[in-house]
PDB file of N, CA and C in Angstrom:
ATOM      1  N   MET A   1       0.848  -1.236   0.025  1.00  0.00           N
ATOM      2  CA  MET A   1      -0.090  -0.044  -0.070  1.00  0.00           C
ATOM      3  C   MET A   1       0.868   1.278  -0.010  1.00  0.00           C
ATOM      4  N   ALA A   2       0.724   2.117  -0.940  1.00  0.00           N
ATOM      5  CA  ALA A   2       1.584   3.345  -1.130  1.00  0.00           C
ATOM      6  C   ALA A   2       1.052   4.406  -0.125  1.00  0.00           C
ATOM      7  N   VAL A   3       1.935   5.107   0.380  1.00  0.00           N
ATOM      8  CA  VAL A   3       1.680   6.214   1.237  1.00  0.00           C
ATOM      9  C   VAL A   3       1.552   7.494   0.443  1.00  0.00           C
ATOM     10  N   GLU A   4       0.437   8.176   0.650  1.00  0.00           N
ATOM     11  CA  GLU A   4       0.123   9.379  -0.161  1.00  0.00           C
ATOM     12  C   GLU A   4       1.150  10.522   0.293  1.00  0.00           C
ATOM     13  N   LYS A   5       1.713  11.056  -0.828  1.00  0.00           N
ATOM     14  CA  LYS A   5       2.655  12.226  -0.597  1.00  0.00           C
ATOM     15  C   LYS A   5       1.966  13.510  -0.772  1.00  0.00           C
ATOM     16  N   PHE A   6       2.019  14.346   0.236  1.00  0.00           N
ATOM     17  CA  PHE A   6       1.407  15.685   0.033  1.00  0.00           C
ATOM     18  C   PHE A   6       2.082  16.653   0.938  1.00  0.00           C
ATOM     19  N   TRP A   7       1.957  17.985   0.621  1.00  0.00           N
ATOM     20  CA  TRP A   7       2.575  18.990   1.460  1.00  0.00           C
ATOM     21  C   TRP A   7       1.463  19.910   1.851  1.00  0.00           C
ATOM     22  N   LYS A   8       1.444  20.542   2.962  1.00  0.00           N
ATOM     23  CA  LYS A   8       0.464  21.382   3.487  1.00  0.00           C
ATOM     24  C   LYS A   8       1.163  22.728   3.866  1.00  0.00           C
ATOM     25  N   LEU A   9       0.264  23.823   3.819  1.00  0.00           N
ATOM     26  CA  LEU A   9       0.845  25.139   4.250  1.00  0.00           C
ATOM     27  C   LEU A   9       0.125  25.529   5.561  1.00  0.00           C
ATOM     28  N   ALA A  10       0.842  26.176   6.424  1.00  0.00           N
ATOM     29  CA  ALA A  10       0.181  26.733   7.740  1.00  0.00           C
ATOM     30  C   ALA A  10       0.709  28.081   7.889  1.00  0.00           C
ATOM     31  N   VAL A  11      -0.149  28.904   8.509  1.00  0.00           N
ATOM     32  CA  VAL A  11       0.323  30.317   8.780  1.00  0.00           C
ATOM     33  C   VAL A  11       0.612  30.385  10.325  1.00  0.00           C
ATOM     34  N   TYR A  12       1.750  30.993  10.555  1.00  0.00           N
ATOM     35  CA  TYR A  12       2.287  31.073  11.995  1.00  0.00           C
ATOM     36  C   TYR A  12       2.428  32.554  12.469  1.00  0.00           C
ATOM     37  N   LYS A  13       2.099  32.709  13.718  1.00  0.00           N
ATOM     38  CA  LYS A  13       2.511  33.939  14.374  1.00  0.00           C
ATOM     39  C   LYS A  13       3.914  33.763  14.866  1.00  0.00           C
ATOM     40  N   THR A  14       4.940  34.514  14.462  1.00  0.00           N
ATOM     41  CA  THR A  14       6.294  34.238  14.814  1.00  0.00           C
ATOM     42  C   THR A  14       6.809  35.330  15.727  1.00  0.00           C
ATOM     43  N   ASP A  15       7.843  34.947  16.437  1.00  0.00           N
ATOM     44  CA  ASP A  15       8.433  35.851  17.441  1.00  0.00           C
ATOM     45  C   ASP A  15       9.820  35.512  17.561  1.00  0.00           C
ATOM     46  N   ARG A  16      10.686  36.479  18.144  1.00  0.00           N
ATOM     47  CA  ARG A  16      12.091  36.172  18.373  1.00  0.00           C
ATOM     48  C   ARG A  16      12.264  36.104  19.886  1.00  0.00           C
ATOM     49  N   LEU A  17      12.736  35.041  20.357  1.00  0.00           N
ATOM     50  CA  LEU A  17      12.754  34.834  21.778  1.00  0.00           C
ATOM     51  C   LEU A  17      14.323  34.817  22.180  1.00  0.00           C
ATOM     52  N   LEU A  18      14.555  35.258  23.389  1.00  0.00           N
ATOM     53  CA  LEU A  18      15.843  35.305  23.945  1.00  0.00           C
ATOM     54  C   LEU A  18      16.165  33.904  24.361  1.00  0.00           C
ATOM     55  N   GLY A  19      17.294  33.481  23.725  1.00  0.00           N
ATOM     56  CA  GLY A  19      17.795  32.060  24.040  1.00  0.00           C
ATOM     57  C   GLY A  19      18.798  32.009  25.235  1.00  0.00           C
ATOM     58  N   GLY A  20      19.510  33.067  25.445  1.00  0.00           N
ATOM     59  CA  GLY A  20      20.430  33.131  26.604  1.00  0.00           C
ATOM     60  C   GLY A  20      21.354  34.378  26.523  1.00  0.00           C
ATOM     61  N   HIS A  21      22.059  34.571  27.564  1.00  0.00           N
ATOM     62  CA  HIS A  21      22.950  35.726  27.657  1.00  0.00           C
ATOM     63  C   HIS A  21      24.393  35.500  27.290  1.00  0.00           C
ATOM     64  N   GLU A  22      24.699  34.163  26.823  1.00  0.00           N
ATOM     65  CA  GLU A  22      26.052  33.803  26.439  1.00  0.00           C
ATOM     66  C   GLU A  22      26.529  34.644  25.268  1.00  0.00           C
ATOM     67  N   GLU A  23      27.759  35.109  25.282  1.00  0.00           N
ATOM     68  CA  GLU A  23      28.429  35.811  24.204  1.00  0.00           C
ATOM     69  C   GLU A  23      27.620  37.081  23.660  1.00  0.00           C
ATOM     70  N   GLY A  24      27.058  37.818  24.786  1.00  0.00           N
ATOM     71  CA  GLY A  24      26.274  39.096  24.327  1.00  0.00           C
ATOM     72  C   GLY A  24      24.859  38.881  24.081  1.00  0.00           C
ATOM     73  N   GLY A  25      24.316  37.654  24.233  1.00  0.00           N
ATOM     74  CA  GLY A  25      22.919  37.289  24.019  1.00  0.00           C
ATOM     75  C   GLY A  25      22.512  36.698  22.549  1.00  0.00           C
ATOM     76  N   TRP A  26      21.774  35.808  22.570  1.00  0.00           N
ATOM     77  CA  TRP A  26      21.327  35.116  21.258  1.00  0.00           C
ATOM     78  C   TRP A  26      19.904  34.920  21.249  1.00  0.00           C
ATOM     79  N   TYR A  27      19.311  34.937  20.199  1.00  0.00           N
ATOM     80  CA  TYR A  27      17.799  34.775  19.937  1.00  0.00           C
ATOM     81  C   TYR A  27      17.543  33.676  18.978  1.00  0.00           C
ATOM     82  N   TYR A  28      16.351  33.226  19.073  1.00  0.00           N
ATOM     83  CA  TYR A  28      15.872  32.110  18.206  1.00  0.00           C
ATOM     84  C   TYR A  28      14.447  32.381  17.731  1.00  0.00           C
ATOM     85  N   ASN A  29      14.098  31.885  16.669  1.00  0.00           N
ATOM     86  CA  ASN A  29      12.656  32.055  16.068  1.00  0.00           C
ATOM     87  C   ASN A  29      11.629  30.973  16.584  1.00  0.00           C
ATOM     88  N   ALA A  30      10.609  31.414  16.974  1.00  0.00           N
ATOM     89  CA  ALA A  30       9.557  30.610  17.448  1.00  0.00           C
ATOM     90  C   ALA A  30       8.308  30.963  16.858  1.00  0.00           C
ATOM     91  N   GLY A  31       7.269  30.052  16.794  1.00  0.00           N
ATOM     92  CA  GLY A  31       6.009  30.392  16.177  1.00  0.00           C
ATOM     93  C   GLY A  31       4.959  29.505  16.678  1.00  0.00           C
ATOM     94  N   GLU A  32       3.727  30.062  16.578  1.00  0.00           N
ATOM     95  CA  GLU A  32       2.430  29.257  16.909  1.00  0.00           C
ATOM     96  C   GLU A  32       1.592  29.343  15.746  1.00  0.00           C
ATOM     97  N   ARG A  33       1.058  28.119  15.469  1.00  0.00           N
ATOM     98  CA  ARG A  33       0.092  28.037  14.256  1.00  0.00           C
ATOM     99  C   ARG A  33      -1.166  28.788  14.451  1.00  0.00           C
ATOM    100  N   LEU A  34      -1.515  29.605  13.538  1.00  0.00           N
ATOM    101  CA  LEU A  34      -2.767  30.282  13.498  1.00  0.00           C
ATOM    102  C   LEU A  34      -3.790  29.599  12.650  1.00  0.00           C
ATOM    103  N   LYS A  35      -3.345  29.021  11.499  1.00  0.00           N
ATOM    104  CA  LYS A  35      -4.308  28.459  10.581  1.00  0.00           C
ATOM    105  C   LYS A  35      -3.534  27.483   9.693  1.00  0.00           C
ATOM    106  N   GLU A  36      -4.120  26.362   9.406  1.00  0.00           N
ATOM    107  CA  GLU A  36      -3.687  25.336   8.598  1.00  0.00           C
ATOM    108  C   GLU A  36      -4.397  25.330   7.239  1.00  0.00           C
ATOM    109  N   GLY A  37      -3.732  25.298   6.154  1.00  0.00           N
ATOM    110  CA  GLY A  37      -4.335  25.333   4.825  1.00  0.00           C
ATOM    111  C   GLY A  37      -5.155  24.100   4.572  1.00  0.00           C
ATOM    112  N   LYS A  38      -6.227  24.204   3.873  1.00  0.00           N
ATOM    113  CA  LYS A  38      -7.146  22.932   3.541  1.00  0.00           C
ATOM    114  C   LYS A  38      -6.631  22.210   2.324  1.00  0.00           C
ATOM    115  N   ILE A  39      -5.835  22.839   1.467  1.00  0.00           N
ATOM    116  CA  ILE A  39      -5.350  22.188   0.212  1.00  0.00           C
ATOM    117  C   ILE A  39      -4.156  21.249   0.509  1.00  0.00           C
ATOM    118  N   LYS A  40      -4.214  20.043  -0.019  1.00  0.00           N
ATOM    119  CA  LYS A  40      -3.105  19.185   0.039  1.00  0.00           C
ATOM    120  C   LYS A  40      -2.437  19.255  -1.353  1.00  0.00           C
ATOM    121  N   PHE A  41      -1.104  19.755  -1.252  1.00  0.00           N
ATOM    122  CA  PHE A  41      -0.321  19.888  -2.599  1.00  0.00           C
ATOM    123  C   PHE A  41       0.334  18.687  -2.834  1.00  0.00           C
ATOM    124  N   THR A  42       0.211  18.100  -4.066  1.00  0.00           N
ATOM    125  CA  THR A  42       1.026  16.912  -4.373  1.00  0.00           C
ATOM    126  C   THR A  42       2.309  17.233  -5.006  1.00  0.00           C
ATOM    127  N   ASP A  43       2.551  18.525  -5.405  1.00  0.00           N
ATOM    128  CA  ASP A  43       3.681  18.951  -5.981  1.00  0.00           C
ATOM    129  C   ASP A  43       4.439  20.020  -5.047  1.00  0.00           C
ATOM    130  N   PRO A  44       5.447  19.711  -4.449  1.00  0.00           N
ATOM    131  CA  PRO A  44       6.189  20.663  -3.413  1.00  0.00           C
ATOM    132  C   PRO A  44       6.509  22.003  -4.088  1.00  0.00           C
ATOM    133  N   LYS A  45       6.828  21.957  -5.387  1.00  0.00           N
ATOM    134  CA  LYS A  45       7.112  23.294  -6.048  1.00  0.00           C
ATOM    135  C   LYS A  45       5.915  24.262  -5.932  1.00  0.00           C
ATOM    136  N   LYS A  46       4.714  23.720  -6.124  1.00  0.00           N
ATOM    137  CA  LYS A  46       3.473  24.577  -6.063  1.00  0.00           C
ATOM    138  C   LYS A  46       3.241  25.013  -4.674  1.00  0.00           C
ATOM    139  N   ALA A  47       3.509  24.059  -3.761  1.00  0.00           N
ATOM    140  CA  ALA A  47       3.264  24.450  -2.265  1.00  0.00           C
ATOM    141  C   ALA A  47       4.199  25.687  -1.907  1.00  0.00           C
ATOM    142  N   PHE A  48       5.443  25.591  -2.235  1.00  0.00           N
ATOM    143  CA  PHE A  48       6.422  26.599  -1.967  1.00  0.00           C
ATOM    144  C   PHE A  48       6.059  27.863  -2.669  1.00  0.00           C
ATOM    145  N   ARG A  49       5.587  27.712  -3.869  1.00  0.00           N
ATOM    146  CA  ARG A  49       5.286  28.941  -4.644  1.00  0.00           C
ATOM    147  C   ARG A  49       4.069  29.729  -3.973  1.00  0.00           C
ATOM    148  N   ALA A  50       3.051  28.929  -3.511  1.00  0.00           N
ATOM    149  CA  ALA A  50       1.915  29.505  -2.825  1.00  0.00           C
ATOM    150  C   ALA A  50       2.371  30.171  -1.575  1.00  0.00           C
ATOM    151  N   CYS A  51       3.252  29.413  -0.854  1.00  0.00           N
ATOM    152  CA  CYS A  51       3.759  30.042   0.411  1.00  0.00           C
ATOM    153  C   CYS A  51       4.549  31.283   0.251  1.00  0.00           C
ATOM    154  N   ARG A  52       5.420  31.379  -0.805  1.00  0.00           N
ATOM    155  CA  ARG A  52       6.128  32.605  -1.096  1.00  0.00           C
ATOM    156  C   ARG A  52       5.201  33.727  -1.498  1.00  0.00           C
ATOM    157  N   LEU A  53       4.127  33.394  -2.278  1.00  0.00           N
ATOM    158  CA  LEU A  53       3.232  34.489  -2.537  1.00  0.00           C
ATOM    159  C   LEU A  53       2.443  34.985  -1.337  1.00  0.00           C
ATOM    160  N   PHE A  54       2.080  34.130  -0.335  1.00  0.00           N
ATOM    161  CA  PHE A  54       1.444  34.633   0.817  1.00  0.00           C
ATOM    162  C   PHE A  54       2.405  35.458   1.604  1.00  0.00           C
ATOM    163  N   ASN A  55       3.627  35.007   1.705  1.00  0.00           N
ATOM    164  CA  ASN A  55       4.662  35.814   2.550  1.00  0.00           C
ATOM    165  C   ASN A  55       4.835  37.118   1.867  1.00  0.00           C
ATOM    166  N   LYS A  56       4.888  37.174   0.508  1.00  0.00           N
ATOM    167  CA  LYS A  56       5.060  38.478  -0.202  1.00  0.00           C
ATOM    168  C   LYS A  56       3.982  39.419   0.079  1.00  0.00           C
ATOM    169  N   LEU A  57       2.748  38.928  -0.034  1.00  0.00           N
ATOM    170  CA  LEU A  57       1.482  39.790   0.090  1.00  0.00           C
ATOM    171  C   LEU A  57       1.135  40.130   1.631  1.00  0.00           C
ATOM    172  N   PHE A  58       1.328  39.088   2.519  1.00  0.00           N
ATOM    173  CA  PHE A  58       0.825  39.245   3.889  1.00  0.00           C
ATOM    174  C   PHE A  58       1.871  39.157   4.955  1.00  0.00           C
ATOM    175  N   GLY A  59       2.949  38.619   4.689  1.00  0.00           N
ATOM    176  CA  GLY A  59       4.053  38.369   5.791  1.00  0.00           C
ATOM    177  C   GLY A  59       4.542  39.724   6.246  1.00  0.00           C
ATOM    178  N   ASN A  60       4.852  39.738   7.640  1.00  0.00           N
ATOM    179  CA  ASN A  60       5.546  40.927   8.192  1.00  0.00           C
ATOM    180  C   ASN A  60       6.928  40.719   8.328  1.00  0.00           C
ATOM    181  N   LYS A  61       7.807  41.748   8.252  1.00  0.00           N
ATOM    182  CA  LYS A  61       9.166  41.645   8.666  1.00  0.00           C
ATOM    183  C   LYS A  61       9.223  42.069  10.044  1.00  0.00           C
ATOM    184  N   TRP A  62       9.696  41.229  10.917  1.00  0.00           N
ATOM    185  CA  TRP A  62       9.583  41.570  12.350  1.00  0.00           C
ATOM    186  C   TRP A  62      11.044  41.853  12.861  1.00  0.00           C
ATOM    187  N   ASN A  63      10.964  42.450  14.116  1.00  0.00           N
ATOM    188  CA  ASN A  63      12.262  42.850  14.714  1.00  0.00           C
ATOM    189  C   ASN A  63      12.255  42.210  16.112  1.00  0.00           C
ATOM    190  N   SER A  64      13.176  42.472  16.998  1.00  0.00           N
ATOM    191  CA  SER A  64      13.184  41.866  18.230  1.00  0.00           C
ATOM    192  C   SER A  64      12.099  42.250  19.228  1.00  0.00           C
ATOM    193  N   ILE A  65      11.136  43.227  18.901  1.00  0.00           N
ATOM    194  CA  ILE A  65      10.212  43.630  19.884  1.00  0.00           C
ATOM    195  C   ILE A  65       8.757  43.390  19.358  1.00  0.00           C
ATOM    196  N   GLU A  66       8.597  42.922  18.144  1.00  0.00           N
ATOM    197  CA  GLU A  66       7.182  42.624  17.673  1.00  0.00           C
ATOM    198  C   GLU A  66       7.129  41.278  17.085  1.00  0.00           C
ATOM    199  N   TYR A  67       5.953  40.801  16.844  1.00  0.00           N
ATOM    200  CA  TYR A  67       5.829  39.492  16.203  1.00  0.00           C
ATOM    201  C   TYR A  67       5.592  39.585  14.594  1.00  0.00           C
ATOM    202  N   GLY A  68       5.572  38.664  13.990  1.00  0.00           N
ATOM    203  CA  GLY A  68       5.297  38.581  12.548  1.00  0.00           C
ATOM    204  C   GLY A  68       4.377  37.490  12.171  1.00  0.00           C
ATOM    205  N   ILE A  69       3.998  37.497  10.875  1.00  0.00           N
ATOM    206  CA  ILE A  69       3.170  36.483  10.376  1.00  0.00           C
ATOM    207  C   ILE A  69       3.896  35.848   9.188  1.00  0.00           C
ATOM    208  N   GLU A  70       3.911  34.522   9.098  1.00  0.00           N
ATOM    209  CA  GLU A  70       4.656  33.889   7.961  1.00  0.00           C
ATOM    210  C   GLU A  70       4.019  32.526   7.617  1.00  0.00           C
ATOM    211  N   CYS A  71       4.074  32.111   6.374  1.00  0.00           N
ATOM    212  CA  CYS A  71       3.675  30.888   5.877  1.00  0.00           C
ATOM    213  C   CYS A  71       4.844  29.863   5.764  1.00  0.00           C
ATOM    214  N   ASP A  72       4.519  28.614   6.129  1.00  0.00           N
ATOM    215  CA  ASP A  72       5.619  27.595   6.028  1.00  0.00           C
ATOM    216  C   ASP A  72       4.986  26.391   5.379  1.00  0.00           C
ATOM    217  N   VAL A  73       5.762  25.596   4.658  1.00  0.00           N
ATOM    218  CA  VAL A  73       5.310  24.317   4.053  1.00  0.00           C
ATOM    219  C   VAL A  73       5.815  23.128   4.894  1.00  0.00           C
ATOM    220  N   TYR A  74       4.963  22.168   5.017  1.00  0.00           N
ATOM    221  CA  TYR A  74       5.319  20.984   5.740  1.00  0.00           C
ATOM    222  C   TYR A  74       4.815  19.732   5.103  1.00  0.00           C
ATOM    223  N   TYR A  75       5.642  18.653   5.173  1.00  0.00           N
ATOM    224  CA  TYR A  75       5.193  17.354   4.546  1.00  0.00           C
ATOM    225  C   TYR A  75       4.337  16.724   5.404  1.00  0.00           C
ATOM    226  N   ARG A  76       3.103  16.284   4.947  1.00  0.00           N
ATOM    227  CA  ARG A  76       2.153  15.525   5.651  1.00  0.00           C
ATOM    228  C   ARG A  76       1.671  16.091   7.022  1.00  0.00           C
ATOM    229  N   GLY A  77       1.220  17.285   6.994  1.00  0.00           N
ATOM    230  CA  GLY A  77       0.676  17.886   8.253  1.00  0.00           C
ATOM    231  C   GLY A  77       1.559  18.914   8.762  1.00  0.00           C
ATOM    232  N   THR A  78       1.120  19.808   9.684  1.00  0.00           N
ATOM    233  CA  THR A  78       1.725  20.973  10.207  1.00  0.00           C
ATOM    234  C   THR A  78       1.802  20.847  11.732  1.00  0.00           C
ATOM    235  N   PRO A  79       2.922  21.254  12.332  1.00  0.00           N
ATOM    236  CA  PRO A  79       2.993  21.282  13.841  1.00  0.00           C
ATOM    237  C   PRO A  79       2.294  22.473  14.377  1.00  0.00           C
ATOM    238  N   ASP A  80       1.866  22.331  15.649  1.00  0.00           N
ATOM    239  CA  ASP A  80       1.072  23.418  16.360  1.00  0.00           C
ATOM    240  C   ASP A  80       2.008  24.616  16.602  1.00  0.00           C
ATOM    241  N   SER A  81       3.293  24.298  16.868  1.00  0.00           N
ATOM    242  CA  SER A  81       4.319  25.374  17.092  1.00  0.00           C
ATOM    243  C   SER A  81       5.701  24.862  16.706  1.00  0.00           C
ATOM    244  N   PHE A  82       6.588  25.804  16.704  1.00  0.00           N
ATOM    245  CA  PHE A  82       8.041  25.424  16.438  1.00  0.00           C
ATOM    246  C   PHE A  82       8.868  26.483  17.315  1.00  0.00           C
ATOM    247  N   PRO A  83      10.085  26.128  17.681  1.00  0.00           N
ATOM    248  CA  PRO A  83      10.654  24.732  17.509  1.00  0.00           C
ATOM    249  C   PRO A  83      10.075  23.726  18.472  1.00  0.00           C
ATOM    250  N   LYS A  84      10.282  22.449  18.142  1.00  0.00           N
ATOM    251  CA  LYS A  84       9.762  21.400  18.955  1.00  0.00           C
ATOM    252  C   LYS A  84      10.380  21.462  20.346  1.00  0.00           C
ATOM    253  N   HIS A  85      11.675  21.548  20.358  1.00  0.00           N
ATOM    254  CA  HIS A  85      12.598  21.800  21.560  1.00  0.00           C
ATOM    255  C   HIS A  85      13.199  23.031  21.647  1.00  0.00           C
ATOM    256  N   ARG A  86      13.306  23.715  22.767  1.00  0.00           N
ATOM    257  CA  ARG A  86      13.901  25.004  22.954  1.00  0.00           C
ATOM    258  C   ARG A  86      15.459  24.782  22.769  1.00  0.00           C
ATOM    259  N   PRO A  87      16.037  25.624  21.815  1.00  0.00           N
ATOM    260  CA  PRO A  87      17.536  25.520  21.572  1.00  0.00           C
ATOM    261  C   PRO A  87      18.271  25.908  22.913  1.00  0.00           C
ATOM    262  N   TYR A  88      19.535  25.378  22.896  1.00  0.00           N
ATOM    263  CA  TYR A  88      20.439  25.746  24.051  1.00  0.00           C
ATOM    264  C   TYR A  88      21.815  26.011  23.422  1.00  0.00           C
ATOM    265  N   TYR A  89      22.493  26.771  24.299  1.00  0.00           N
ATOM    266  CA  TYR A  89      23.892  27.202  23.838  1.00  0.00           C
ATOM    267  C   TYR A  89      24.858  26.128  24.345  1.00  0.00           C
ATOM    268  N   SER A  90      25.686  25.711  23.419  1.00  0.00           N
ATOM    269  CA  SER A  90      26.759  24.663  23.724  1.00  0.00           C
ATOM    270  C   SER A  90      28.056  25.064  23.383  1.00  0.00           C
TER     271      SER A  90
END
């Protein structure tokens, strides 16, 4: 039985979070899903093209004090948030 291959889009509220104070401080990107797209793309190029268009029209360029909106493409479903694990300095 073949597994269906598809890609989905999701829109995330993104933010820059302080990771730590090592070496003058460092930040990482984090996001919470606002909406998952209903369309299942079978061609990843079309999924990425749609996502780029969304980001061009609606995406916000954010800085360290405000959040932004961005579209991301995922294979077979979208996570509720990212990153899955908080990064750490090593």
